[in-house]
Amino acid sequence: MSGRERQDLLSRAAVGVFRLNGRFLAVAEELARPAGLTAARWQVLGAVLSEPLPVSGIAREMGITRQSVQRVADLLVERGLAEYRPNPAHRRAKLLAPTEAGRAAVSRIGPGHAALADRLAEACGSDAELAEAVEAVERLSKALDGIGGPPVTEP
């Protein structure tokens, strides 16, 4: 495969992922709205459902900036959907944890989320085909993480 063909593949992948991201964000907004959440608030709450995390840990996990997570985390705390807890590993970097109200809000998304998962699997042809697509996206993400940013070139 030529370098140009690889560039074309990279461009197609980027455009496809950007489009996919846009669709996922739109769907997430629709799913989250009846629970009184936004996609961003759901994303941050979802990151801490299994264990409290510092804002920087949430940002790393989600691949977004620490500042944007901080803004959303502060709004969640202000609305009583999350709380800050002391972090034994770092005095200044408090841990974000969902409150019962936050857990309840996320749980209200469950039925719509399950219905969408069923429709998506059907649209992909089967559970196996959906799983293959997800694994391909995960492999691409891991590969990009492994190579870092673009190479520095001289003008």
N, C-alpha and C. Protein backbone atom coordinates (compact mmCIF):
# COMPACT_ATOMS: atom_id res chain seq x y z
N MET A 1 0.85 -1.17 0.00
CA MET A 1 0.00 0.00 0.00
C MET A 1 0.90 1.24 0.00
N SER A 2 0.53 2.20 -0.80
CA SER A 2 1.35 3.41 -0.91
C SER A 2 1.07 4.34 0.27
N GLY A 3 1.98 5.29 0.44
CA GLY A 3 1.80 6.29 1.49
C GLY A 3 0.52 7.09 1.29
N ARG A 4 0.21 7.38 0.02
CA ARG A 4 -1.01 8.15 -0.29
C ARG A 4 -2.25 7.35 0.09
N GLU A 5 -2.24 6.05 -0.17
CA GLU A 5 -3.39 5.21 0.19
C GLU A 5 -3.57 5.16 1.71
N ARG A 6 -2.44 5.13 2.44
CA ARG A 6 -2.52 5.16 3.91
C ARG A 6 -3.09 6.49 4.38
N GLN A 7 -2.67 7.59 3.74
CA GLN A 7 -3.21 8.90 4.10
C GLN A 7 -4.71 8.94 3.87
N ASP A 8 -5.15 8.38 2.75
CA ASP A 8 -6.58 8.34 2.46
C ASP A 8 -7.34 7.54 3.51
N LEU A 9 -6.76 6.41 3.93
CA LEU A 9 -7.40 5.61 4.98
C LEU A 9 -7.49 6.39 6.29
N LEU A 10 -6.41 7.10 6.64
CA LEU A 10 -6.43 7.91 7.85
C LEU A 10 -7.51 8.99 7.76
N SER A 11 -7.60 9.64 6.62
CA SER A 11 -8.62 10.67 6.43
C SER A 11 -10.03 10.09 6.53
N ARG A 12 -10.25 8.94 5.89
CA ARG A 12 -11.57 8.29 5.97
C ARG A 12 -11.89 7.90 7.41
N ALA A 13 -10.90 7.38 8.13
CA ALA A 13 -11.12 7.00 9.52
C ALA A 13 -11.48 8.23 10.35
N ALA A 14 -10.74 9.31 10.17
CA ALA A 14 -10.99 10.52 10.95
C ALA A 14 -12.40 11.06 10.67
N VAL A 15 -12.76 11.17 9.40
CA VAL A 15 -14.08 11.69 9.06
C VAL A 15 -15.17 10.76 9.62
N GLY A 16 -14.96 9.46 9.50
CA GLY A 16 -15.93 8.51 10.04
C GLY A 16 -16.08 8.62 11.55
N VAL A 17 -14.96 8.77 12.25
CA VAL A 17 -15.02 8.89 13.71
C VAL A 17 -15.64 10.22 14.12
N PHE A 18 -15.33 11.31 13.39
CA PHE A 18 -15.95 12.59 13.70
C PHE A 18 -17.47 12.51 13.53
N ARG A 19 -17.90 11.87 12.44
CA ARG A 19 -19.33 11.71 12.19
C ARG A 19 -19.96 10.84 13.28
N LEU A 20 -19.27 9.74 13.63
CA LEU A 20 -19.76 8.84 14.67
C LEU A 20 -19.86 9.57 16.01
N ASN A 21 -18.85 10.37 16.32
CA ASN A 21 -18.87 11.15 17.56
C ASN A 21 -20.08 12.08 17.59
N GLY A 22 -20.33 12.75 16.48
CA GLY A 22 -21.49 13.64 16.41
C GLY A 22 -22.79 12.90 16.63
N ARG A 23 -22.92 11.74 16.01
CA ARG A 23 -24.14 10.94 16.19
C ARG A 23 -24.28 10.45 17.63
N PHE A 24 -23.17 9.97 18.20
CA PHE A 24 -23.23 9.52 19.60
C PHE A 24 -23.60 10.66 20.54
N LEU A 25 -23.04 11.84 20.31
CA LEU A 25 -23.38 12.98 21.17
C LEU A 25 -24.86 13.34 21.04
N ALA A 26 -25.39 13.34 19.81
CA ALA A 26 -26.80 13.66 19.61
C ALA A 26 -27.70 12.62 20.28
N VAL A 27 -27.36 11.35 20.12
CA VAL A 27 -28.15 10.28 20.74
C VAL A 27 -28.04 10.37 22.27
N ALA A 28 -26.84 10.64 22.77
CA ALA A 28 -26.65 10.75 24.22
C ALA A 28 -27.48 11.90 24.79
N GLU A 29 -27.56 13.01 24.07
CA GLU A 29 -28.39 14.13 24.53
C GLU A 29 -29.86 13.70 24.62
N GLU A 30 -30.33 12.98 23.60
CA GLU A 30 -31.72 12.51 23.60
C GLU A 30 -31.98 11.54 24.75
N LEU A 31 -31.04 10.62 24.99
CA LEU A 31 -31.21 9.65 26.06
C LEU A 31 -31.15 10.31 27.43
N ALA A 32 -30.28 11.28 27.59
CA ALA A 32 -30.06 11.90 28.90
C ALA A 32 -31.14 12.91 29.29
N ARG A 33 -31.74 13.55 28.30
CA ARG A 33 -32.70 14.62 28.57
C ARG A 33 -33.83 14.21 29.52
N PRO A 34 -34.51 13.08 29.31
CA PRO A 34 -35.60 12.72 30.22
C PRO A 34 -35.14 12.49 31.67
N ALA A 35 -33.86 12.20 31.86
CA ALA A 35 -33.31 11.99 33.20
C ALA A 35 -32.83 13.30 33.82
N GLY A 36 -33.03 14.42 33.11
CA GLY A 36 -32.60 15.72 33.61
C GLY A 36 -31.10 15.94 33.48
N LEU A 37 -30.47 15.21 32.58
CA LEU A 37 -29.02 15.33 32.37
C LEU A 37 -28.73 15.81 30.96
N THR A 38 -27.48 16.17 30.73
CA THR A 38 -26.97 16.41 29.38
C THR A 38 -26.01 15.26 29.09
N ALA A 39 -25.59 15.16 27.85
CA ALA A 39 -24.62 14.12 27.49
C ALA A 39 -23.34 14.29 28.30
N ALA A 40 -22.88 15.52 28.46
CA ALA A 40 -21.63 15.76 29.20
C ALA A 40 -21.78 15.36 30.67
N ARG A 41 -22.90 15.68 31.26
CA ARG A 41 -23.11 15.32 32.68
C ARG A 41 -23.22 13.80 32.83
N TRP A 42 -23.90 13.16 31.89
CA TRP A 42 -24.00 11.70 31.92
C TRP A 42 -22.62 11.08 31.78
N GLN A 43 -21.82 11.61 30.86
CA GLN A 43 -20.47 11.09 30.63
C GLN A 43 -19.63 11.17 31.90
N VAL A 44 -19.65 12.30 32.58
CA VAL A 44 -18.83 12.47 33.78
C VAL A 44 -19.38 11.61 34.92
N LEU A 45 -20.70 11.59 35.11
CA LEU A 45 -21.28 10.73 36.14
C LEU A 45 -20.98 9.26 35.86
N GLY A 46 -21.09 8.87 34.60
CA GLY A 46 -20.82 7.49 34.22
C GLY A 46 -19.40 7.07 34.54
N ALA A 47 -18.48 8.00 34.45
CA ALA A 47 -17.06 7.68 34.71
C ALA A 47 -16.80 7.36 36.17
N VAL A 48 -17.67 7.83 37.06
CA VAL A 48 -17.42 7.63 38.49
C VAL A 48 -18.45 6.70 39.16
N LEU A 49 -19.26 6.03 38.38
CA LEU A 49 -20.26 5.13 38.97
C LEU A 49 -19.62 3.97 39.72
N SER A 50 -18.55 3.41 39.18
CA SER A 50 -17.94 2.25 39.84
C SER A 50 -16.96 2.64 40.93
N GLU A 51 -16.32 3.80 40.79
CA GLU A 51 -15.40 4.27 41.83
C GLU A 51 -15.18 5.77 41.68
N PRO A 52 -15.03 6.47 42.80
CA PRO A 52 -14.72 7.90 42.72
C PRO A 52 -13.37 8.11 42.05
N LEU A 53 -13.28 9.20 41.28
CA LEU A 53 -12.03 9.53 40.57
C LEU A 53 -11.76 11.02 40.69
N PRO A 54 -10.48 11.41 40.61
CA PRO A 54 -10.18 12.84 40.51
C PRO A 54 -10.56 13.34 39.12
N VAL A 55 -10.78 14.62 39.01
CA VAL A 55 -11.15 15.22 37.72
C VAL A 55 -10.13 14.87 36.64
N SER A 56 -8.84 14.90 36.98
CA SER A 56 -7.81 14.58 35.98
C SER A 56 -7.94 13.13 35.50
N GLY A 57 -8.32 12.22 36.39
CA GLY A 57 -8.51 10.82 36.01
C GLY A 57 -9.69 10.63 35.07
N ILE A 58 -10.76 11.38 35.34
CA ILE A 58 -11.94 11.33 34.46
C ILE A 58 -11.56 11.85 33.08
N ALA A 59 -10.83 12.96 33.05
CA ALA A 59 -10.43 13.55 31.78
C ALA A 59 -9.58 12.58 30.97
N ARG A 60 -8.63 11.91 31.63
CA ARG A 60 -7.79 10.93 30.93
C ARG A 60 -8.63 9.79 30.39
N GLU A 61 -9.53 9.28 31.22
CA GLU A 61 -10.39 8.15 30.83
C GLU A 61 -11.25 8.50 29.62
N MET A 62 -11.75 9.73 29.60
CA MET A 62 -12.68 10.14 28.55
C MET A 62 -12.00 10.79 27.35
N GLY A 63 -10.71 11.12 27.49
CA GLY A 63 -10.02 11.76 26.38
C GLY A 63 -10.45 13.19 26.15
N ILE A 64 -10.82 13.89 27.23
CA ILE A 64 -11.23 15.29 27.13
C ILE A 64 -10.40 16.12 28.10
N THR A 65 -10.52 17.43 28.03
CA THR A 65 -9.67 18.28 28.86
C THR A 65 -10.11 18.27 30.32
N ARG A 66 -9.14 18.47 31.19
CA ARG A 66 -9.42 18.54 32.62
C ARG A 66 -10.34 19.72 32.92
N GLN A 67 -10.14 20.83 32.22
CA GLN A 67 -10.96 22.01 32.47
C GLN A 67 -12.44 21.76 32.15
N SER A 68 -12.71 21.06 31.06
CA SER A 68 -14.12 20.80 30.72
C SER A 68 -14.74 19.84 31.73
N VAL A 69 -13.98 18.85 32.18
CA VAL A 69 -14.50 17.93 33.20
C VAL A 69 -14.74 18.70 34.50
N GLN A 70 -13.81 19.59 34.87
CA GLN A 70 -13.97 20.37 36.10
C GLN A 70 -15.26 21.18 36.08
N ARG A 71 -15.53 21.82 34.94
CA ARG A 71 -16.74 22.63 34.80
C ARG A 71 -17.99 21.77 35.00
N VAL A 72 -18.03 20.60 34.35
CA VAL A 72 -19.19 19.72 34.46
C VAL A 72 -19.29 19.15 35.87
N ALA A 73 -18.16 18.75 36.45
CA ALA A 73 -18.16 18.21 37.81
C ALA A 73 -18.71 19.23 38.80
N ASP A 74 -18.29 20.48 38.67
CA ASP A 74 -18.79 21.53 39.57
C ASP A 74 -20.30 21.70 39.42
N LEU A 75 -20.81 21.62 38.18
CA LEU A 75 -22.26 21.72 37.96
C LEU A 75 -22.99 20.53 38.58
N LEU A 76 -22.42 19.33 38.45
CA LEU A 76 -23.04 18.15 39.06
C LEU A 76 -23.10 18.28 40.57
N VAL A 77 -22.04 18.78 41.18
CA VAL A 77 -22.02 18.98 42.63
C VAL A 77 -23.03 20.04 43.02
N GLU A 78 -23.08 21.13 42.28
CA GLU A 78 -24.02 22.22 42.54
C GLU A 78 -25.46 21.74 42.51
N ARG A 79 -25.75 20.78 41.61
CA ARG A 79 -27.12 20.26 41.47
C ARG A 79 -27.40 19.04 42.35
N GLY A 80 -26.44 18.66 43.18
CA GLY A 80 -26.64 17.55 44.10
C GLY A 80 -26.56 16.18 43.47
N LEU A 81 -25.99 16.09 42.25
CA LEU A 81 -25.89 14.81 41.56
C LEU A 81 -24.55 14.12 41.82
N ALA A 82 -23.60 14.88 42.36
CA ALA A 82 -22.28 14.34 42.69
C ALA A 82 -21.74 15.12 43.88
N GLU A 83 -20.68 14.58 44.45
CA GLU A 83 -20.05 15.25 45.59
C GLU A 83 -18.54 15.05 45.50
N TYR A 84 -17.82 15.99 46.10
CA TYR A 84 -16.37 15.85 46.20
C TYR A 84 -16.05 15.20 47.53
N ARG A 85 -15.11 14.26 47.47
CA ARG A 85 -14.66 13.56 48.67
C ARG A 85 -13.15 13.74 48.81
N PRO A 86 -12.65 13.63 50.02
CA PRO A 86 -11.19 13.71 50.20
C PRO A 86 -10.49 12.59 49.43
N ASN A 87 -9.31 12.91 48.94
CA ASN A 87 -8.51 11.94 48.19
C ASN A 87 -7.28 11.60 49.04
N PRO A 88 -7.23 10.39 49.58
CA PRO A 88 -6.08 10.03 50.42
C PRO A 88 -4.74 10.08 49.68
N ALA A 89 -4.77 9.94 48.35
CA ALA A 89 -3.54 9.94 47.57
C ALA A 89 -3.06 11.34 47.21
N HIS A 90 -3.95 12.32 47.28
CA HIS A 90 -3.58 13.68 46.88
C HIS A 90 -4.52 14.66 47.57
N ARG A 91 -3.98 15.44 48.48
CA ARG A 91 -4.81 16.31 49.31
C ARG A 91 -5.62 17.33 48.50
N ARG A 92 -5.02 17.89 47.45
CA ARG A 92 -5.71 18.95 46.70
C ARG A 92 -6.63 18.43 45.61
N ALA A 93 -6.38 17.24 45.08
CA ALA A 93 -7.19 16.68 43.98
C ALA A 93 -8.29 15.81 44.56
N LYS A 94 -9.41 16.44 44.89
CA LYS A 94 -10.51 15.70 45.50
C LYS A 94 -11.09 14.68 44.51
N LEU A 95 -11.77 13.69 45.07
CA LEU A 95 -12.41 12.65 44.26
C LEU A 95 -13.86 13.03 44.00
N LEU A 96 -14.32 12.81 42.78
CA LEU A 96 -15.72 13.04 42.44
C LEU A 96 -16.45 11.71 42.57
N ALA A 97 -17.60 11.74 43.24
CA ALA A 97 -18.43 10.54 43.42
C ALA A 97 -19.89 10.91 43.19
N PRO A 98 -20.66 9.99 42.62
CA PRO A 98 -22.09 10.28 42.43
C PRO A 98 -22.83 10.23 43.76
N THR A 99 -23.87 11.04 43.89
CA THR A 99 -24.77 10.94 45.04
C THR A 99 -25.86 9.94 44.65
N GLU A 100 -26.73 9.65 45.59
CA GLU A 100 -27.87 8.77 45.26
C GLU A 100 -28.72 9.39 44.16
N ALA A 101 -28.89 10.71 44.21
CA ALA A 101 -29.66 11.39 43.16
C ALA A 101 -28.97 11.24 41.79
N GLY A 102 -27.66 11.30 41.77
CA GLY A 102 -26.92 11.11 40.53
C GLY A 102 -27.07 9.70 39.99
N ARG A 103 -26.96 8.73 40.88
CA ARG A 103 -27.15 7.32 40.47
C ARG A 103 -28.57 7.11 39.94
N ALA A 104 -29.55 7.71 40.60
CA ALA A 104 -30.94 7.56 40.17
C ALA A 104 -31.14 8.18 38.78
N ALA A 105 -30.53 9.33 38.55
CA ALA A 105 -30.65 9.98 37.24
C ALA A 105 -30.07 9.09 36.14
N VAL A 106 -28.88 8.54 36.38
CA VAL A 106 -28.26 7.66 35.38
C VAL A 106 -29.11 6.41 35.17
N SER A 107 -29.68 5.88 36.23
CA SER A 107 -30.49 4.66 36.08
C SER A 107 -31.74 4.91 35.23
N ARG A 108 -32.25 6.14 35.23
CA ARG A 108 -33.42 6.45 34.40
C ARG A 108 -33.08 6.41 32.91
N ILE A 109 -31.81 6.48 32.57
CA ILE A 109 -31.39 6.41 31.17
C ILE A 109 -31.41 4.95 30.68
N GLY A 110 -31.29 4.01 31.61
CA GLY A 110 -31.15 2.59 31.28
C GLY A 110 -32.11 2.03 30.25
N PRO A 111 -33.43 2.21 30.40
CA PRO A 111 -34.36 1.62 29.43
C PRO A 111 -34.16 2.13 28.00
N GLY A 112 -33.98 3.43 27.83
CA GLY A 112 -33.74 3.97 26.49
C GLY A 112 -32.40 3.51 25.93
N HIS A 113 -31.41 3.41 26.80
CA HIS A 113 -30.08 2.94 26.41
C HIS A 113 -30.17 1.49 25.92
N ALA A 114 -30.88 0.66 26.65
CA ALA A 114 -31.04 -0.76 26.27
C ALA A 114 -31.77 -0.89 24.93
N ALA A 115 -32.82 -0.09 24.75
CA ALA A 115 -33.57 -0.13 23.49
C ALA A 115 -32.70 0.30 22.31
N LEU A 116 -31.89 1.33 22.52
CA LEU A 116 -31.00 1.78 21.47
C LEU A 116 -29.95 0.71 21.14
N ALA A 117 -29.41 0.06 22.16
CA ALA A 117 -28.42 -1.01 21.93
C ALA A 117 -29.03 -2.12 21.10
N ASP A 118 -30.28 -2.48 21.38
CA ASP A 118 -30.95 -3.52 20.59
C ASP A 118 -31.13 -3.08 19.14
N ARG A 119 -31.56 -1.83 18.94
CA ARG A 119 -31.76 -1.33 17.57
C ARG A 119 -30.45 -1.25 16.80
N LEU A 120 -29.38 -0.86 17.50
CA LEU A 120 -28.08 -0.75 16.85
C LEU A 120 -27.55 -2.13 16.44
N ALA A 121 -27.68 -3.11 17.33
CA ALA A 121 -27.25 -4.47 16.99
C ALA A 121 -28.02 -5.00 15.78
N GLU A 122 -29.30 -4.71 15.76
CA GLU A 122 -30.13 -5.15 14.62
C GLU A 122 -29.69 -4.45 13.33
N ALA A 123 -29.42 -3.15 13.42
CA ALA A 123 -28.99 -2.40 12.24
C ALA A 123 -27.63 -2.87 11.73
N CYS A 124 -26.78 -3.34 12.64
CA CYS A 124 -25.46 -3.86 12.24
C CYS A 124 -25.55 -5.26 11.66
N GLY A 125 -26.65 -5.92 11.86
CA GLY A 125 -26.84 -7.27 11.32
C GLY A 125 -26.85 -8.34 12.39
N SER A 126 -26.07 -8.15 13.44
CA SER A 126 -26.03 -9.13 14.52
C SER A 126 -25.22 -8.57 15.68
N ASP A 127 -25.35 -9.23 16.82
CA ASP A 127 -24.53 -8.86 17.98
C ASP A 127 -23.04 -9.01 17.65
N ALA A 128 -22.72 -10.05 16.90
CA ALA A 128 -21.31 -10.30 16.56
C ALA A 128 -20.75 -9.19 15.68
N GLU A 129 -21.54 -8.71 14.73
CA GLU A 129 -21.05 -7.64 13.87
C GLU A 129 -20.90 -6.33 14.64
N LEU A 130 -21.81 -6.07 15.56
CA LEU A 130 -21.67 -4.88 16.41
C LEU A 130 -20.41 -5.01 17.27
N ALA A 131 -20.18 -6.19 17.83
CA ALA A 131 -18.98 -6.41 18.65
C ALA A 131 -17.71 -6.21 17.83
N GLU A 132 -17.70 -6.69 16.59
CA GLU A 132 -16.54 -6.49 15.71
C GLU A 132 -16.29 -5.01 15.45
N ALA A 133 -17.35 -4.25 15.21
CA ALA A 133 -17.19 -2.82 14.96
C ALA A 133 -16.63 -2.11 16.18
N VAL A 134 -17.14 -2.47 17.35
CA VAL A 134 -16.66 -1.86 18.60
C VAL A 134 -15.18 -2.22 18.82
N GLU A 135 -14.83 -3.46 18.58
CA GLU A 135 -13.43 -3.89 18.75
C GLU A 135 -12.52 -3.15 17.78
N ALA A 136 -12.98 -2.89 16.56
CA ALA A 136 -12.16 -2.16 15.59
C ALA A 136 -11.93 -0.72 16.07
N VAL A 137 -12.97 -0.08 16.58
CA VAL A 137 -12.82 1.28 17.11
C VAL A 137 -11.86 1.28 18.30
N GLU A 138 -11.99 0.31 19.17
CA GLU A 138 -11.09 0.21 20.33
C GLU A 138 -9.65 -0.02 19.91
N ARG A 139 -9.43 -0.86 18.89
CA ARG A 139 -8.06 -1.10 18.39
C ARG A 139 -7.47 0.18 17.80
N LEU A 140 -8.26 0.89 17.03
CA LEU A 140 -7.79 2.14 16.43
C LEU A 140 -7.43 3.15 17.51
N SER A 141 -8.27 3.26 18.53
CA SER A 141 -8.01 4.18 19.63
C SER A 141 -6.72 3.81 20.36
N LYS A 142 -6.55 2.53 20.63
CA LYS A 142 -5.35 2.05 21.32
C LYS A 142 -4.10 2.30 20.48
N ALA A 143 -4.21 2.07 19.17
CA ALA A 143 -3.08 2.30 18.28
C ALA A 143 -2.69 3.78 18.27
N LEU A 144 -3.68 4.68 18.21
CA LEU A 144 -3.38 6.11 18.24
C LEU A 144 -2.75 6.51 19.56
N ASP A 145 -3.23 5.95 20.66
CA ASP A 145 -2.62 6.22 21.96
C ASP A 145 -1.16 5.80 21.96
N GLY A 146 -0.88 4.68 21.31
CA GLY A 146 0.47 4.12 21.31
C GLY A 146 1.48 4.91 20.49
N ILE A 147 1.00 5.59 19.45
CA ILE A 147 1.95 6.31 18.59
C ILE A 147 2.09 7.78 18.94
N GLY A 148 1.24 8.30 19.78
CA GLY A 148 1.34 9.71 20.16
C GLY A 148 0.84 10.61 19.04
N GLY A 149 1.33 11.84 19.04
CA GLY A 149 0.89 12.84 18.08
C GLY A 149 1.57 12.72 16.74
N PRO A 150 1.28 13.64 15.85
CA PRO A 150 1.90 13.61 14.52
C PRO A 150 3.41 13.87 14.62
N PRO A 151 4.16 13.35 13.66
CA PRO A 151 5.61 13.59 13.68
C PRO A 151 5.92 15.06 13.39
N VAL A 152 6.99 15.52 13.97
CA VAL A 152 7.43 16.89 13.70
C VAL A 152 8.20 16.87 12.39
N THR A 153 7.82 17.74 11.48
CA THR A 153 8.52 17.81 10.19
C THR A 153 9.13 19.19 10.03
N GLU A 154 10.23 19.22 9.34
CA GLU A 154 10.90 20.49 9.06
C GLU A 154 10.21 21.16 7.89
N PRO A 155 10.08 22.49 7.93
CA PRO A 155 9.44 23.20 6.80
C PRO A 155 10.27 23.15 5.54
